[in-house]
């Protein structure tokens, strides 16, 4: 298929595309996440002119415009949205490879790499990793935080030893055990009308806009919301954003909506943000976690980690 030149770009050559580098991909992803060249440049600690030039070079190499520029900032074009989705996947996989390779440096006492997509600010995963480190101080402990898709790929390729995930979906021929459950909270601006309530019920969300990350545990939270509010007329407006949970919280602080988070995220202190427990008529709502690993993984440190999990979170009979 021939790429048209209506955007002011010529069809890219193989040489142009081969000049793409990870730095340009990361620049484009940051610009998309922040919706502003200025804010993205500040987050990357580079000059705005450097960021703009890098993205222009990227667009020239691709032969299409990734962004539409406006006085309010930047937004993805249709082609740009497709490109950025793949760019995030590439960057995640490369980050996973680098982090896992560093963590896999073998020592005399072993190593293990744990993949996760939840917060380490508080909660059971943090407590488990601390306890494992206390019991096995000589074992190298690596951690990798990525999206579910990135962690599934890392588990399949052996880049991580175990994946701590929301839900209990069995992947490939792997082994899975249920772990703990975490309460669901609403994140909302301090000045929101619902912030005055000590507890928020699912029905209180009817007229609200709920922002959810497309990364975990966004899908489980959306499924739970739909299960609690079965009638479409009762449900809030759901906006799925292709950004991290941290960016979602900043959008909530800006007054663009509410969001749903898990208990381990409540420890994240962001100015202007309030958390309230979410309940139905029977009490708090929870989402479960599980651990998944490859059955053919013979890492002795993995066996130690799984024994610790079984000890701390015994499965019900």
Protein backbone atom coordinates (compact mmCIF):
# COMPACT_ATOMS: atom_id res chain seq x y z
CA UNK A 1 0.00 0.00 0.00
CA UNK A 2 1.31 3.40 -0.96
CA UNK A 3 1.42 6.12 1.71
CA UNK A 4 -0.18 9.34 0.51
CA UNK A 5 1.61 12.66 0.75
CA UNK A 6 -1.34 14.76 1.89
CA UNK A 7 0.32 15.29 5.30
CA UNK A 8 3.38 16.82 3.72
CA UNK A 9 5.52 13.68 4.04
CA UNK A 10 7.12 11.63 1.31
CA UNK A 11 6.91 7.87 1.24
CA UNK A 12 9.65 6.58 3.60
CA UNK A 13 12.53 4.57 2.31
CA UNK A 14 13.98 1.50 4.03
CA UNK A 15 16.93 3.68 5.04
CA UNK A 16 14.63 6.26 6.67
CA UNK A 17 12.79 3.62 8.72
CA UNK A 18 16.03 1.96 9.78
CA UNK A 19 17.06 5.27 11.42
CA UNK A 20 14.27 5.00 14.00
CA UNK A 21 15.61 4.52 17.49
CA UNK A 22 14.15 3.78 20.91
CA UNK A 23 14.74 7.36 22.02
CA UNK A 24 12.35 8.66 19.35
CA UNK A 25 9.73 6.06 20.26
CA UNK A 26 9.94 7.05 23.91
CA UNK A 27 9.68 10.75 23.01
CA UNK A 28 6.51 10.11 21.00
CA UNK A 29 4.93 8.03 23.78
CA UNK A 30 5.64 10.73 26.39
CA UNK A 31 4.14 13.41 24.13
CA UNK A 32 1.01 11.29 23.68
CA UNK A 33 0.71 10.59 27.42
CA UNK A 34 1.01 14.24 28.42
CA UNK A 35 -0.78 15.73 25.40
CA UNK A 36 1.76 18.54 25.48
CA UNK A 37 5.26 18.90 24.05
CA UNK A 38 6.22 21.22 26.88
CA UNK A 39 5.07 18.92 29.68
CA UNK A 40 6.56 15.86 27.98
CA UNK A 41 9.91 17.63 27.58
CA UNK A 42 9.88 18.62 31.25
CA UNK A 43 9.17 15.02 32.26
CA UNK A 44 12.02 13.79 30.05
CA UNK A 45 14.35 16.54 31.33
CA UNK A 46 15.14 17.75 27.81
CA UNK A 47 14.46 20.96 25.87
CA UNK A 48 11.11 21.29 24.14
CA UNK A 49 12.89 22.07 20.86
CA UNK A 50 14.87 18.81 21.18
CA UNK A 51 11.67 16.81 21.72
CA UNK A 52 9.87 18.52 18.82
CA UNK A 53 12.80 17.91 16.48
CA UNK A 54 13.02 14.25 17.50
CA UNK A 55 9.31 13.67 16.80
CA UNK A 56 9.52 15.52 13.47
CA UNK A 57 12.39 13.23 12.46
CA UNK A 58 10.29 10.23 13.51
CA UNK A 59 7.34 11.40 11.43
CA UNK A 60 9.60 12.04 8.45
CA UNK A 61 11.03 8.52 8.70
CA UNK A 62 7.53 7.01 8.93
CA UNK A 63 6.07 9.16 6.18
CA UNK A 64 2.97 10.03 8.24
CA UNK A 65 2.01 12.57 10.88
CA UNK A 66 1.84 10.95 14.32
CA UNK A 67 0.36 14.06 15.97
CA UNK A 68 -1.93 16.93 15.19
CA UNK A 69 -0.50 20.15 16.65
CA UNK A 70 -2.92 22.66 18.19
CA UNK A 71 -2.57 25.67 20.48
CA UNK A 72 -3.81 23.43 23.32
CA UNK A 73 -1.15 20.76 22.75
CA UNK A 74 -0.90 17.62 20.63
CA UNK A 75 -3.22 14.70 19.94
CA UNK A 76 -2.68 11.49 18.00
CA UNK A 77 -3.77 11.13 14.42
CA UNK A 78 -5.52 7.88 13.42
CA UNK A 79 -2.25 6.55 12.01
CA UNK A 80 -0.41 7.89 15.05
CA UNK A 81 -2.70 6.07 17.46
CA UNK A 82 -1.94 2.76 15.73
CA UNK A 83 1.79 3.50 15.67
CA UNK A 84 1.89 4.54 19.35
CA UNK A 85 0.12 1.37 20.43
CA UNK A 86 2.85 -0.71 18.79
CA UNK A 87 5.60 1.65 20.01
CA UNK A 88 4.49 1.13 23.62
CA UNK A 89 4.61 -2.62 23.12
CA UNK A 90 8.14 -2.42 21.67
CA UNK A 91 9.37 -0.20 24.50
CA UNK A 92 7.79 -2.43 27.14
CA UNK A 93 9.43 -5.52 25.70
CA UNK A 94 12.82 -3.83 25.46
CA UNK A 95 12.54 -2.47 29.01
CA UNK A 96 11.58 -5.94 30.20
CA UNK A 97 14.57 -7.51 28.47
CA UNK A 98 16.99 -4.96 29.93
CA UNK A 99 15.55 -5.11 33.46
CA UNK A 100 15.35 -8.90 33.48
CA UNK A 101 18.87 -9.29 32.08
CA UNK A 102 20.29 -7.08 34.81
CA UNK A 103 18.30 -8.95 37.44
CA UNK A 104 19.39 -12.34 36.11
CA UNK A 105 23.06 -11.77 36.87
CA UNK A 106 23.81 -15.01 38.60
CA UNK A 107 25.26 -15.05 42.07
CA UNK A 108 26.35 -17.99 44.17
CA UNK A 109 23.02 -18.12 46.02
CA UNK A 110 20.63 -17.81 43.04
CA UNK A 111 18.24 -15.28 41.57
CA UNK A 112 14.57 -14.72 40.79
CA UNK A 113 12.68 -12.14 38.72
CA UNK A 114 9.10 -11.24 39.71
CA UNK A 115 6.81 -9.54 37.20
CA UNK A 116 3.82 -7.51 38.38
CA UNK A 117 1.38 -4.80 37.37
CA UNK A 118 0.25 -3.59 40.80
CA UNK A 119 1.62 -0.99 43.16
CA UNK A 120 4.51 -1.62 45.56
CA UNK A 121 3.65 1.38 47.72
CA UNK A 122 1.76 -0.81 50.19
CA UNK A 123 0.03 -4.15 50.17
CA UNK A 124 0.68 -7.87 50.06
CA UNK A 125 3.16 -7.96 47.19
CA UNK A 126 5.42 -5.44 48.91
CA UNK A 127 5.19 -7.38 52.19
CA UNK A 128 5.93 -10.66 50.40
CA UNK A 129 9.02 -9.32 48.64
CA UNK A 130 10.33 -7.85 51.90
CA UNK A 131 9.82 -11.19 53.67
CA UNK A 132 11.50 -13.12 50.85
CA UNK A 133 14.47 -10.80 51.01
CA UNK A 134 14.68 -11.28 54.76
CA UNK A 135 14.62 -15.07 54.50
CA UNK A 136 16.93 -15.36 51.49
CA UNK A 137 19.31 -12.38 51.69
CA UNK A 138 21.77 -13.97 49.26
CA UNK A 139 19.24 -14.41 46.44
CA UNK A 140 19.18 -11.74 43.76
CA UNK A 141 15.63 -10.35 43.63
CA UNK A 142 14.63 -8.62 40.40
CA UNK A 143 11.28 -6.92 39.75
CA UNK A 144 9.69 -5.97 36.45
CA UNK A 145 6.51 -3.84 36.18
CA UNK A 146 4.80 -3.98 32.79
CA UNK A 147 1.40 -4.46 31.19
CA UNK A 148 -0.17 -7.92 31.25
CA UNK A 149 0.75 -8.50 27.60
CA UNK A 150 4.36 -7.52 28.25
CA UNK A 151 4.59 -9.79 31.29
CA UNK A 152 2.96 -12.71 29.48
CA UNK A 153 5.60 -12.39 26.76
CA UNK A 154 8.35 -12.13 29.38
CA UNK A 155 7.08 -15.23 31.17
CA UNK A 156 6.87 -17.17 27.93
CA UNK A 157 10.44 -16.17 26.99
CA UNK A 158 11.86 -16.86 30.43
CA UNK A 159 12.70 -13.22 31.12
CA UNK A 160 10.73 -13.40 34.38
CA UNK A 161 10.19 -16.37 36.70
CA UNK A 162 6.74 -15.60 38.08
CA UNK A 163 3.92 -13.24 37.14
CA UNK A 164 1.74 -11.73 39.90
CA UNK A 165 -1.49 -10.86 38.12
CA UNK A 166 -5.07 -9.82 38.79
CA UNK A 167 -7.50 -12.67 38.29
CA UNK A 168 -6.61 -16.33 37.92
CA UNK A 169 -6.56 -16.88 34.15
CA UNK A 170 -4.39 -19.87 33.24
CA UNK A 171 -1.82 -19.00 30.57
CA UNK A 172 -0.46 -21.61 28.12
CA UNK A 173 0.56 -24.74 30.06
CA UNK A 174 1.60 -22.76 33.11
CA UNK A 175 0.82 -23.28 36.77
CA UNK A 176 -1.33 -20.83 38.72
CA UNK A 177 -2.24 -20.43 42.40
CA UNK A 178 -4.71 -17.93 43.92
CA UNK A 179 -3.24 -15.42 46.35
CA UNK A 180 -4.84 -12.45 48.10
CA UNK A 181 -7.70 -10.10 47.40
CA UNK A 182 -7.60 -6.30 47.48
CA UNK A 183 -10.44 -3.89 48.19
CA UNK A 184 -11.58 -1.52 45.44
CA UNK A 185 -11.45 2.24 46.06
CA UNK A 186 -12.59 5.34 44.18
CA UNK A 187 -9.96 7.99 43.45
CA UNK A 188 -11.49 11.45 43.17
CA UNK A 189 -10.50 15.12 43.50
CA UNK A 190 -10.54 16.56 47.02
CA UNK A 191 -13.26 19.04 46.07
CA UNK A 192 -15.58 16.47 44.48
CA UNK A 193 -19.06 16.21 46.00
CA UNK A 194 -18.59 12.49 46.74
CA UNK A 195 -15.41 13.17 48.72
CA UNK A 196 -17.55 14.22 51.68
CA UNK A 197 -18.83 10.63 52.01
CA UNK A 198 -16.83 8.18 54.11
CA UNK A 199 -17.97 5.30 51.90
CA UNK A 200 -19.07 5.37 48.26
CA UNK A 201 -21.49 2.84 46.79
CA UNK A 202 -21.46 1.60 43.20
CA UNK A 203 -24.80 3.27 42.58
CA UNK A 204 -23.21 6.64 43.48
CA UNK A 205 -21.18 6.40 40.27
CA UNK A 206 -24.19 6.51 37.93
CA UNK A 207 -23.79 10.08 36.69
CA UNK A 208 -19.99 10.18 36.85
CA UNK A 209 -17.20 9.79 34.29
CA UNK A 210 -14.85 6.95 35.22
CA UNK A 211 -11.33 6.98 33.78
CA UNK A 212 -9.63 3.58 33.48
CA UNK A 213 -6.19 2.65 32.23
CA UNK A 214 -6.09 0.02 29.52
CA UNK A 215 -3.30 -1.57 31.53
CA UNK A 216 -4.00 -3.96 34.41
CA UNK A 217 -6.03 -3.99 36.53
CA UNK A 218 -8.22 -1.80 34.30
CA UNK A 219 -10.03 -4.66 32.60
CA UNK A 220 -10.93 -6.38 35.88
CA UNK A 221 -12.15 -3.11 37.36
CA UNK A 222 -14.35 -2.44 34.33
CA UNK A 223 -15.76 -5.99 34.43
CA UNK A 224 -16.56 -5.53 38.13
CA UNK A 225 -18.26 -2.20 37.50
CA UNK A 226 -20.44 -3.76 34.78
CA UNK A 227 -21.29 -6.69 37.08
CA UNK A 228 -22.34 -4.33 39.88
CA UNK A 229 -24.38 -2.02 37.63
CA UNK A 230 -26.02 -4.45 35.23
CA UNK A 231 -28.35 -1.92 33.60
CA UNK A 232 -26.67 0.27 30.99
CA UNK A 233 -28.76 3.20 32.18
CA UNK A 234 -27.21 2.91 35.64
CA UNK A 235 -23.61 2.82 34.51
CA UNK A 236 -21.31 5.83 34.51
CA UNK A 237 -19.55 6.98 31.39
CA UNK A 238 -16.38 4.89 31.03
CA UNK A 239 -13.34 6.38 29.29
CA UNK A 240 -10.49 3.96 28.57
CA UNK A 241 -7.13 5.70 28.31
CA UNK A 242 -3.98 4.18 26.83
CA UNK A 243 -1.86 5.59 29.67
CA UNK A 244 -0.45 4.35 32.97
CA UNK A 245 -2.30 4.35 36.29
CA UNK A 246 -0.13 7.27 37.42
CA UNK A 247 -1.26 9.42 34.48
CA UNK A 248 -4.89 8.44 35.17
CA UNK A 249 -4.54 9.80 38.72
CA UNK A 250 -3.18 13.09 37.39
CA UNK A 251 -6.18 13.33 35.05
CA UNK A 252 -8.47 12.77 38.05
CA UNK A 253 -6.71 15.61 39.90
CA UNK A 254 -7.40 17.81 36.89
CA UNK A 255 -11.14 17.18 37.33
CA UNK A 256 -11.61 15.07 34.19
CA UNK A 257 -13.37 12.26 36.06
CA UNK A 258 -13.05 9.62 38.78
CA UNK A 259 -11.12 6.37 38.70
CA UNK A 260 -11.16 2.96 40.35
CA UNK A 261 -8.02 1.70 42.09
CA UNK A 262 -7.00 -1.22 44.24
CA UNK A 263 -6.02 -1.11 47.89
CA UNK A 264 -2.27 -1.22 47.19
CA UNK A 265 -2.60 2.00 45.15
CA UNK A 266 -4.11 3.97 48.03
CA UNK A 267 -0.68 4.48 49.57
CA UNK A 268 0.37 6.62 46.62
CA UNK A 269 0.28 10.19 47.90
CA UNK A 270 -0.78 12.63 45.18
CA UNK A 271 -1.73 16.17 46.14
CA UNK A 272 -5.38 16.94 45.48
CA UNK A 273 -6.47 13.28 45.39
CA UNK A 274 -8.81 11.51 47.82
CA UNK A 275 -9.56 7.78 48.14
CA UNK A 276 -12.85 6.30 49.34
CA UNK A 277 -13.75 2.63 49.78
CA UNK A 278 -16.27 1.32 47.24
CA UNK A 279 -19.05 -0.95 48.50
CA UNK A 280 -22.31 -2.62 47.59
CA UNK A 281 -25.06 -3.79 49.92
CA UNK A 282 -22.97 -6.72 51.20
CA UNK A 283 -19.80 -4.80 52.03
CA UNK A 284 -16.44 -4.00 50.40
CA UNK A 285 -15.74 -5.08 46.82
CA UNK A 286 -12.55 -7.05 46.09
CA UNK A 287 -10.43 -8.26 43.18
CA UNK A 288 -8.24 -11.33 43.53
CA UNK A 289 -4.59 -11.84 42.63
CA UNK A 290 -2.81 -14.99 41.52
CA UNK A 291 0.72 -16.15 40.74
CA UNK A 292 1.58 -17.79 37.41
CA UNK A 293 4.82 -19.50 36.42
CA UNK A 294 6.12 -21.88 33.78
CA UNK A 295 5.82 -25.50 34.82
CA UNK A 296 9.22 -26.29 33.29
CA UNK A 297 11.01 -23.56 35.30
CA UNK A 298 13.48 -25.41 37.54
CA UNK A 299 14.90 -22.33 39.27
CA UNK A 300 15.35 -23.33 42.96
CA UNK A 301 14.79 -19.73 44.04
CA UNK A 302 11.39 -19.83 42.33
CA UNK A 303 10.52 -22.89 44.38
CA UNK A 304 11.47 -20.99 47.56
CA UNK A 305 9.32 -18.04 46.49
CA UNK A 306 6.32 -20.26 45.75
CA UNK A 307 6.64 -21.97 49.14
CA UNK A 308 6.58 -18.54 50.78
CA UNK A 309 3.44 -17.62 48.82
CA UNK A 310 1.75 -20.88 49.84
CA UNK A 311 2.66 -20.21 53.45
CA UNK A 312 1.41 -16.62 53.50
CA UNK A 313 -1.69 -17.16 51.34
CA UNK A 314 -2.88 -20.77 51.79
CA UNK A 315 -5.58 -21.80 49.33
CA UNK A 316 -8.94 -22.63 50.89
CA UNK A 317 -9.78 -26.35 51.01
